[in-house]
Amino acid sequence: MRRRLPAHWALGLALALGPAAAQAIVCSVDSVVPVSFGAYDPFDPSPTDGTGSITYTCSGAVAEDSISLAISAGQSGTYSPRALTAGATGLPYTACLDASRTSPWGDGTQGTSTYTASGTGLNGTHVITVYGRIAAGANPVPGSYSDTLTVTLTY
């Protein structure tokens, strides 16, 4: 049986989800550490990178089991780029699966991929890094920017 567990993830605010209902395999999103970009400098010729993480725990997994983690498009409704917002103003960013920030993390649509794991190593607690990037050269108005994403754990 597959279960989908949503957890809300905000860049700047996190909400974790408790354990799933009892069954042969039980997984839960334990915590989310938001991606933090710090202060963005529009005159810096380099992109502004940040990382966050998603911690999940599974028990009762066997070799043929697998899990996947998907992340929603956020408030912008698009994956690449997503948009951090301050009121009506947006600042484009990406959330990726890889440290080189070339594989957009999403739900498998619009050119995105999901995090997947399978096999006997599913039991226990796992911490997955989320790699964020704001491209150089954006010219946002001063403000505090954020986005809210939903993390979905499927097993």
N, C-alpha and C. Protein backbone atom coordinates (compact mmCIF):
# COMPACT_ATOMS: atom_id res chain seq x y z
N MET A 1 0.84 -1.16 0.00
CA MET A 1 0.00 0.00 0.00
C MET A 1 0.89 1.25 0.00
N ARG A 2 0.57 2.20 -0.79
CA ARG A 2 1.31 3.46 -0.86
C ARG A 2 0.52 4.53 -0.12
N ARG A 3 1.25 5.37 0.64
CA ARG A 3 0.63 6.51 1.34
C ARG A 3 1.36 7.76 0.96
N ARG A 4 0.65 8.84 0.82
CA ARG A 4 1.24 10.13 0.53
C ARG A 4 1.09 10.99 1.78
N LEU A 5 2.20 11.52 2.25
CA LEU A 5 2.19 12.37 3.44
C LEU A 5 2.67 13.75 3.07
N PRO A 6 1.80 14.75 3.12
CA PRO A 6 2.28 16.10 2.83
C PRO A 6 2.84 16.77 4.09
N ALA A 7 3.82 17.60 3.88
CA ALA A 7 4.32 18.47 4.95
C ALA A 7 4.58 19.81 4.31
N HIS A 8 4.24 20.87 4.97
CA HIS A 8 4.46 22.19 4.39
C HIS A 8 5.86 22.66 4.71
N TRP A 9 6.48 23.26 3.73
CA TRP A 9 7.84 23.72 3.85
C TRP A 9 7.88 25.16 3.40
N ALA A 10 8.33 26.03 4.24
CA ALA A 10 8.41 27.43 3.89
C ALA A 10 9.86 27.86 3.97
N LEU A 11 10.28 28.68 3.03
CA LEU A 11 11.61 29.23 3.10
C LEU A 11 11.59 30.29 4.18
N GLY A 12 11.99 29.92 5.35
CA GLY A 12 11.93 30.82 6.50
C GLY A 12 11.04 30.26 7.60
N LEU A 13 10.24 29.22 7.31
CA LEU A 13 9.33 28.65 8.30
C LEU A 13 9.12 27.19 7.94
N ALA A 14 9.11 26.30 8.91
CA ALA A 14 8.93 24.88 8.62
C ALA A 14 7.83 24.29 9.48
N LEU A 15 7.10 23.34 8.93
CA LEU A 15 6.07 22.61 9.66
C LEU A 15 6.31 21.13 9.39
N ALA A 16 6.51 20.34 10.41
CA ALA A 16 6.77 18.91 10.24
C ALA A 16 5.48 18.13 10.37
N LEU A 17 5.50 16.90 9.88
CA LEU A 17 4.34 16.03 9.91
C LEU A 17 4.63 14.83 10.79
N GLY A 18 3.66 14.37 11.55
CA GLY A 18 3.85 13.23 12.43
C GLY A 18 3.82 11.91 11.69
N PRO A 19 3.93 10.80 12.41
CA PRO A 19 4.00 9.48 11.78
C PRO A 19 2.71 9.08 11.09
N ALA A 20 2.86 8.21 10.10
CA ALA A 20 1.72 7.69 9.34
C ALA A 20 0.99 6.63 10.18
N ALA A 21 -0.18 6.25 9.71
CA ALA A 21 -0.94 5.20 10.37
C ALA A 21 -0.15 3.89 10.33
N ALA A 22 -0.36 3.03 11.33
CA ALA A 22 0.37 1.78 11.43
C ALA A 22 0.07 0.89 10.23
N GLN A 23 1.11 0.33 9.63
CA GLN A 23 1.01 -0.62 8.54
C GLN A 23 2.36 -1.30 8.43
N ALA A 24 2.52 -2.19 7.45
CA ALA A 24 3.75 -2.95 7.32
C ALA A 24 4.97 -2.05 7.19
N ILE A 25 4.86 -1.01 6.41
CA ILE A 25 5.93 -0.03 6.30
C ILE A 25 5.37 1.31 6.78
N VAL A 26 6.12 1.98 7.62
CA VAL A 26 5.68 3.25 8.18
C VAL A 26 6.77 4.29 7.92
N CYS A 27 6.40 5.39 7.30
CA CYS A 27 7.34 6.47 7.03
C CYS A 27 6.72 7.79 7.48
N SER A 28 7.58 8.73 7.85
CA SER A 28 7.10 10.05 8.23
C SER A 28 8.14 11.10 7.90
N VAL A 29 7.68 12.29 7.59
CA VAL A 29 8.56 13.45 7.47
C VAL A 29 8.71 13.97 8.89
N ASP A 30 9.95 13.96 9.39
CA ASP A 30 10.20 14.34 10.77
C ASP A 30 10.46 15.83 10.93
N SER A 31 11.21 16.40 10.01
CA SER A 31 11.51 17.82 10.11
C SER A 31 11.94 18.36 8.75
N VAL A 32 11.81 19.65 8.62
CA VAL A 32 12.23 20.36 7.42
C VAL A 32 13.03 21.57 7.86
N VAL A 33 14.24 21.70 7.33
CA VAL A 33 15.05 22.89 7.58
C VAL A 33 14.95 23.73 6.31
N PRO A 34 14.37 24.91 6.39
CA PRO A 34 14.17 25.74 5.19
C PRO A 34 15.49 26.14 4.54
N VAL A 35 15.45 26.32 3.22
CA VAL A 35 16.60 26.86 2.51
C VAL A 35 16.73 28.33 2.92
N SER A 36 17.94 28.70 3.31
CA SER A 36 18.19 30.08 3.69
C SER A 36 19.23 30.67 2.75
N PHE A 37 18.87 31.74 2.08
CA PHE A 37 19.78 32.39 1.14
C PHE A 37 20.54 33.55 1.77
N GLY A 38 20.11 34.00 2.92
CA GLY A 38 20.74 35.17 3.53
C GLY A 38 20.40 36.41 2.72
N ALA A 39 21.27 37.40 2.76
CA ALA A 39 21.05 38.65 2.03
C ALA A 39 21.46 38.47 0.57
N TYR A 40 20.61 38.91 -0.34
CA TYR A 40 20.90 38.84 -1.77
C TYR A 40 21.49 40.17 -2.23
N ASP A 41 22.62 40.11 -2.93
CA ASP A 41 23.28 41.30 -3.44
C ASP A 41 23.10 41.34 -4.96
N PRO A 42 22.28 42.23 -5.50
CA PRO A 42 22.04 42.26 -6.95
C PRO A 42 23.29 42.64 -7.76
N PHE A 43 24.33 43.16 -7.10
CA PHE A 43 25.55 43.55 -7.81
C PHE A 43 26.61 42.45 -7.80
N ASP A 44 26.39 41.38 -7.05
CA ASP A 44 27.34 40.27 -7.01
C ASP A 44 27.21 39.48 -8.32
N PRO A 45 28.31 39.25 -9.04
CA PRO A 45 28.22 38.52 -10.31
C PRO A 45 28.02 37.01 -10.14
N SER A 46 28.08 36.53 -8.91
CA SER A 46 27.88 35.10 -8.65
C SER A 46 26.47 34.84 -8.14
N PRO A 47 25.92 33.64 -8.41
CA PRO A 47 24.61 33.32 -7.86
C PRO A 47 24.68 33.23 -6.34
N THR A 48 23.53 33.37 -5.71
CA THR A 48 23.42 33.22 -4.26
C THR A 48 22.86 31.83 -3.98
N ASP A 49 23.65 30.99 -3.31
CA ASP A 49 23.26 29.62 -3.02
C ASP A 49 22.88 29.46 -1.56
N GLY A 50 22.03 28.50 -1.30
CA GLY A 50 21.65 28.14 0.05
C GLY A 50 21.27 26.68 0.09
N THR A 51 21.23 26.10 1.27
CA THR A 51 20.79 24.71 1.43
C THR A 51 19.79 24.62 2.56
N GLY A 52 19.02 23.58 2.51
CA GLY A 52 18.09 23.21 3.56
C GLY A 52 18.07 21.70 3.60
N SER A 53 17.15 21.11 4.34
CA SER A 53 17.10 19.65 4.40
C SER A 53 15.70 19.17 4.76
N ILE A 54 15.46 17.92 4.39
CA ILE A 54 14.24 17.21 4.74
C ILE A 54 14.68 15.94 5.45
N THR A 55 14.16 15.71 6.66
CA THR A 55 14.48 14.50 7.41
C THR A 55 13.24 13.62 7.44
N TYR A 56 13.42 12.36 7.03
CA TYR A 56 12.31 11.41 7.08
C TYR A 56 12.79 10.12 7.73
N THR A 57 11.83 9.37 8.28
CA THR A 57 12.13 8.09 8.92
C THR A 57 11.18 7.04 8.37
N CYS A 58 11.73 5.86 8.09
CA CYS A 58 10.91 4.72 7.67
C CYS A 58 11.27 3.51 8.53
N SER A 59 10.26 2.67 8.76
CA SER A 59 10.49 1.40 9.45
C SER A 59 9.62 0.35 8.80
N GLY A 60 10.06 -0.89 8.89
CA GLY A 60 9.30 -1.99 8.31
C GLY A 60 9.53 -2.17 6.83
N ALA A 61 10.52 -1.48 6.25
CA ALA A 61 10.77 -1.56 4.82
C ALA A 61 11.44 -2.89 4.45
N VAL A 62 11.09 -3.41 3.30
CA VAL A 62 11.75 -4.60 2.76
C VAL A 62 12.33 -4.25 1.40
N ALA A 63 13.07 -5.17 0.79
CA ALA A 63 13.85 -4.88 -0.42
C ALA A 63 13.03 -4.29 -1.55
N GLU A 64 11.79 -4.71 -1.75
CA GLU A 64 11.02 -4.21 -2.89
C GLU A 64 10.33 -2.87 -2.62
N ASP A 65 10.46 -2.36 -1.41
CA ASP A 65 9.84 -1.08 -1.08
C ASP A 65 10.64 0.09 -1.65
N SER A 66 9.97 1.20 -1.86
CA SER A 66 10.65 2.42 -2.29
C SER A 66 9.87 3.61 -1.76
N ILE A 67 10.56 4.72 -1.66
CA ILE A 67 9.91 5.96 -1.25
C ILE A 67 10.31 7.04 -2.24
N SER A 68 9.50 8.09 -2.30
CA SER A 68 9.88 9.26 -3.09
C SER A 68 9.45 10.51 -2.33
N LEU A 69 10.22 11.57 -2.54
CA LEU A 69 9.91 12.87 -1.97
C LEU A 69 9.73 13.84 -3.13
N ALA A 70 8.58 14.48 -3.17
CA ALA A 70 8.30 15.50 -4.19
C ALA A 70 8.13 16.84 -3.48
N ILE A 71 8.47 17.92 -4.18
CA ILE A 71 8.30 19.26 -3.64
C ILE A 71 7.44 20.05 -4.63
N SER A 72 6.45 20.74 -4.12
CA SER A 72 5.52 21.50 -4.98
C SER A 72 6.21 22.69 -5.63
N ALA A 73 5.50 23.31 -6.55
CA ALA A 73 6.02 24.48 -7.27
C ALA A 73 6.01 25.73 -6.40
N GLY A 74 5.27 25.72 -5.31
CA GLY A 74 5.21 26.89 -4.45
C GLY A 74 4.18 27.88 -4.94
N GLN A 75 4.27 29.09 -4.43
CA GLN A 75 3.26 30.10 -4.71
C GLN A 75 3.26 30.57 -6.16
N SER A 76 4.37 30.41 -6.86
CA SER A 76 4.44 30.86 -8.25
C SER A 76 3.71 29.92 -9.21
N GLY A 77 3.55 28.65 -8.80
CA GLY A 77 2.89 27.68 -9.66
C GLY A 77 3.78 27.10 -10.74
N THR A 78 5.06 27.47 -10.77
CA THR A 78 5.99 26.92 -11.75
C THR A 78 7.25 26.47 -11.03
N TYR A 79 7.94 25.49 -11.61
CA TYR A 79 9.11 24.91 -10.95
C TYR A 79 10.42 25.59 -11.30
N SER A 80 10.54 26.05 -12.51
CA SER A 80 11.85 26.55 -12.92
C SER A 80 11.71 27.82 -13.74
N PRO A 81 11.86 28.96 -13.13
CA PRO A 81 12.19 29.09 -11.72
C PRO A 81 10.94 29.25 -10.87
N ARG A 82 11.07 28.88 -9.60
CA ARG A 82 10.07 29.24 -8.61
C ARG A 82 10.27 30.72 -8.31
N ALA A 83 9.44 31.28 -7.45
CA ALA A 83 9.62 32.69 -7.11
C ALA A 83 9.45 32.91 -5.62
N LEU A 84 10.46 33.51 -5.01
CA LEU A 84 10.32 34.05 -3.67
C LEU A 84 9.54 35.34 -3.83
N THR A 85 8.63 35.63 -2.93
CA THR A 85 7.84 36.85 -3.08
C THR A 85 7.92 37.73 -1.84
N ALA A 86 7.79 39.03 -2.11
CA ALA A 86 7.64 40.05 -1.07
C ALA A 86 6.49 40.93 -1.57
N GLY A 87 5.30 40.65 -1.07
CA GLY A 87 4.13 41.33 -1.60
C GLY A 87 3.90 40.90 -3.04
N ALA A 88 3.82 41.86 -3.95
CA ALA A 88 3.59 41.56 -5.35
C ALA A 88 4.89 41.38 -6.13
N THR A 89 6.04 41.52 -5.47
CA THR A 89 7.33 41.44 -6.13
C THR A 89 7.90 40.03 -6.03
N GLY A 90 8.47 39.53 -7.12
CA GLY A 90 9.05 38.19 -7.12
C GLY A 90 10.55 38.20 -7.34
N LEU A 91 11.22 37.18 -6.83
CA LEU A 91 12.65 36.96 -7.00
C LEU A 91 12.82 35.50 -7.40
N PRO A 92 13.22 35.22 -8.67
CA PRO A 92 13.32 33.84 -9.14
C PRO A 92 14.39 33.04 -8.39
N TYR A 93 14.08 31.77 -8.13
CA TYR A 93 15.04 30.86 -7.51
C TYR A 93 14.73 29.44 -7.96
N THR A 94 15.68 28.55 -7.71
CA THR A 94 15.48 27.13 -7.98
C THR A 94 15.74 26.32 -6.71
N ALA A 95 15.07 25.18 -6.60
CA ALA A 95 15.32 24.20 -5.55
C ALA A 95 15.69 22.91 -6.28
N CYS A 96 16.86 22.37 -5.98
CA CYS A 96 17.40 21.26 -6.76
C CYS A 96 17.77 20.06 -5.88
N LEU A 97 17.91 18.92 -6.56
CA LEU A 97 18.33 17.67 -5.92
C LEU A 97 19.84 17.54 -5.79
N ASP A 98 20.59 18.28 -6.58
CA ASP A 98 22.04 18.08 -6.66
C ASP A 98 22.81 19.35 -6.30
N ALA A 99 24.02 19.15 -5.80
CA ALA A 99 24.85 20.28 -5.37
C ALA A 99 25.25 21.19 -6.52
N SER A 100 25.26 20.69 -7.75
CA SER A 100 25.58 21.54 -8.90
C SER A 100 24.37 22.37 -9.33
N ARG A 101 23.23 22.09 -8.72
CA ARG A 101 21.99 22.84 -8.94
C ARG A 101 21.54 22.82 -10.40
N THR A 102 21.60 21.63 -10.99
CA THR A 102 21.17 21.46 -12.38
C THR A 102 19.94 20.57 -12.52
N SER A 103 19.51 19.92 -11.44
CA SER A 103 18.36 19.01 -11.49
C SER A 103 17.24 19.56 -10.61
N PRO A 104 16.30 20.32 -11.20
CA PRO A 104 15.21 20.90 -10.41
C PRO A 104 14.40 19.83 -9.69
N TRP A 105 14.13 20.07 -8.42
CA TRP A 105 13.35 19.15 -7.60
C TRP A 105 11.91 19.58 -7.66
N GLY A 106 11.05 18.66 -8.05
CA GLY A 106 9.63 18.96 -8.16
C GLY A 106 8.81 17.72 -7.94
N ASP A 107 7.82 17.53 -8.81
CA ASP A 107 6.94 16.37 -8.70
C ASP A 107 7.04 15.45 -9.91
N GLY A 108 8.07 15.64 -10.74
CA GLY A 108 8.25 14.81 -11.93
C GLY A 108 7.64 15.42 -13.18
N THR A 109 6.99 16.58 -13.06
CA THR A 109 6.44 17.28 -14.22
C THR A 109 7.29 18.51 -14.51
N GLN A 110 7.05 19.15 -15.63
CA GLN A 110 7.71 20.40 -16.03
C GLN A 110 9.23 20.30 -15.97
N GLY A 111 9.79 19.13 -16.34
CA GLY A 111 11.24 18.96 -16.36
C GLY A 111 11.87 18.78 -15.00
N THR A 112 11.08 18.42 -13.98
CA THR A 112 11.61 18.23 -12.63
C THR A 112 11.75 16.74 -12.31
N SER A 113 12.47 16.45 -11.26
CA SER A 113 12.63 15.09 -10.76
C SER A 113 12.18 15.03 -9.31
N THR A 114 11.95 13.82 -8.82
CA THR A 114 11.67 13.61 -7.41
C THR A 114 12.85 12.87 -6.80
N TYR A 115 13.03 12.99 -5.50
CA TYR A 115 14.02 12.18 -4.79
C TYR A 115 13.43 10.80 -4.64
N THR A 116 14.19 9.75 -4.97
CA THR A 116 13.71 8.39 -4.78
C THR A 116 14.78 7.56 -4.08
N ALA A 117 14.32 6.62 -3.29
CA ALA A 117 15.19 5.65 -2.62
C ALA A 117 14.46 4.32 -2.59
N SER A 118 15.20 3.23 -2.71
CA SER A 118 14.58 1.92 -2.67
C SER A 118 15.57 0.91 -2.09
N GLY A 119 15.03 -0.24 -1.76
CA GLY A 119 15.88 -1.31 -1.28
C GLY A 119 15.84 -1.47 0.22
N THR A 120 16.82 -2.18 0.75
CA THR A 120 16.82 -2.53 2.16
C THR A 120 17.32 -1.40 3.05
N GLY A 121 17.92 -0.35 2.49
CA GLY A 121 18.45 0.75 3.28
C GLY A 121 17.43 1.81 3.65
N LEU A 122 16.15 1.52 3.48
CA LEU A 122 15.12 2.52 3.77
C LEU A 122 14.86 2.69 5.26
N ASN A 123 15.08 1.64 6.05
CA ASN A 123 14.80 1.74 7.49
C ASN A 123 15.72 2.77 8.13
N GLY A 124 15.16 3.49 9.09
CA GLY A 124 15.96 4.46 9.82
C GLY A 124 15.64 5.88 9.40
N THR A 125 16.46 6.78 9.90
CA THR A 125 16.28 8.21 9.65
C THR A 125 17.23 8.66 8.55
N HIS A 126 16.73 9.45 7.62
CA HIS A 126 17.50 9.92 6.47
C HIS A 126 17.36 11.44 6.35
N VAL A 127 18.47 12.09 6.07
CA VAL A 127 18.48 13.54 5.88
C VAL A 127 18.85 13.82 4.43
N ILE A 128 17.96 14.49 3.71
CA ILE A 128 18.17 14.79 2.30
C ILE A 128 18.37 16.29 2.16
N THR A 129 19.43 16.69 1.47
CA THR A 129 19.73 18.10 1.29
C THR A 129 18.93 18.69 0.13
N VAL A 130 18.42 19.89 0.33
CA VAL A 130 17.77 20.67 -0.72
C VAL A 130 18.74 21.78 -1.08
N TYR A 131 19.08 21.90 -2.37
CA TYR A 131 20.04 22.90 -2.84
C TYR A 131 19.28 24.03 -3.55
N GLY A 132 19.37 25.23 -3.02
CA GLY A 132 18.69 26.37 -3.61
C GLY A 132 19.65 27.34 -4.26
N ARG A 133 19.15 28.07 -5.25
CA ARG A 133 19.98 29.07 -5.94
C ARG A 133 19.12 30.22 -6.44
N ILE A 134 19.61 31.43 -6.20
CA ILE A 134 19.07 32.64 -6.83
C ILE A 134 20.13 33.07 -7.84
N ALA A 135 19.74 33.19 -9.08
CA ALA A 135 20.70 33.55 -10.13
C ALA A 135 21.22 34.97 -9.92
N ALA A 136 22.43 35.21 -10.37
CA ALA A 136 23.00 36.56 -10.32
C ALA A 136 22.24 37.47 -11.27
N GLY A 137 22.23 38.74 -10.97
CA GLY A 137 21.68 39.72 -11.89
C GLY A 137 20.22 40.07 -11.70
N ALA A 138 19.54 39.46 -10.75
CA ALA A 138 18.16 39.85 -10.49
C ALA A 138 18.17 41.23 -9.84
N ASN A 139 17.11 41.99 -10.03
CA ASN A 139 17.06 43.35 -9.49
C ASN A 139 15.79 43.53 -8.67
N PRO A 140 15.73 42.85 -7.52
CA PRO A 140 14.51 42.94 -6.72
C PRO A 140 14.45 44.24 -5.92
N VAL A 141 13.24 44.61 -5.53
CA VAL A 141 13.09 45.74 -4.61
C VAL A 141 13.48 45.24 -3.23
N PRO A 142 13.98 46.10 -2.37
CA PRO A 142 14.34 45.66 -1.01
C PRO A 142 13.13 45.08 -0.29
N GLY A 143 13.38 44.03 0.48
CA GLY A 143 12.30 43.40 1.24
C GLY A 143 12.70 42.04 1.74
N SER A 144 11.79 41.41 2.43
CA SER A 144 11.98 40.06 2.94
C SER A 144 11.18 39.12 2.06
N TYR A 145 11.86 38.22 1.36
CA TYR A 145 11.23 37.34 0.38
C TYR A 145 11.08 35.93 0.94
N SER A 146 9.99 35.25 0.58
CA SER A 146 9.76 33.88 1.03
C SER A 146 8.87 33.15 0.03
N ASP A 147 8.80 31.86 0.19
CA ASP A 147 7.91 31.00 -0.59
C ASP A 147 7.50 29.85 0.32
N THR A 148 6.38 29.24 0.03
CA THR A 148 5.93 28.08 0.79
C THR A 148 5.79 26.91 -0.17
N LEU A 149 6.48 25.82 0.15
CA LEU A 149 6.45 24.62 -0.67
C LEU A 149 5.83 23.48 0.15
N THR A 150 5.23 22.53 -0.55
CA THR A 150 4.70 21.34 0.10
C THR A 150 5.57 20.15 -0.26
N VAL A 151 6.02 19.42 0.76
CA VAL A 151 6.80 18.20 0.57
C VAL A 151 5.84 17.03 0.67
N THR A 152 5.89 16.13 -0.33
CA THR A 152 5.04 14.94 -0.32
C THR A 152 5.91 13.70 -0.28
N LEU A 153 5.74 12.88 0.73
CA LEU A 153 6.43 11.61 0.90
C LEU A 153 5.50 10.51 0.45
N THR A 154 5.93 9.74 -0.54
CA THR A 154 5.11 8.63 -1.05
C THR A 154 5.87 7.33 -0.81
N TYR A 155 5.16 6.35 -0.26
CA TYR A 155 5.79 5.04 -0.04
C TYR A 155 4.77 3.92 -0.19
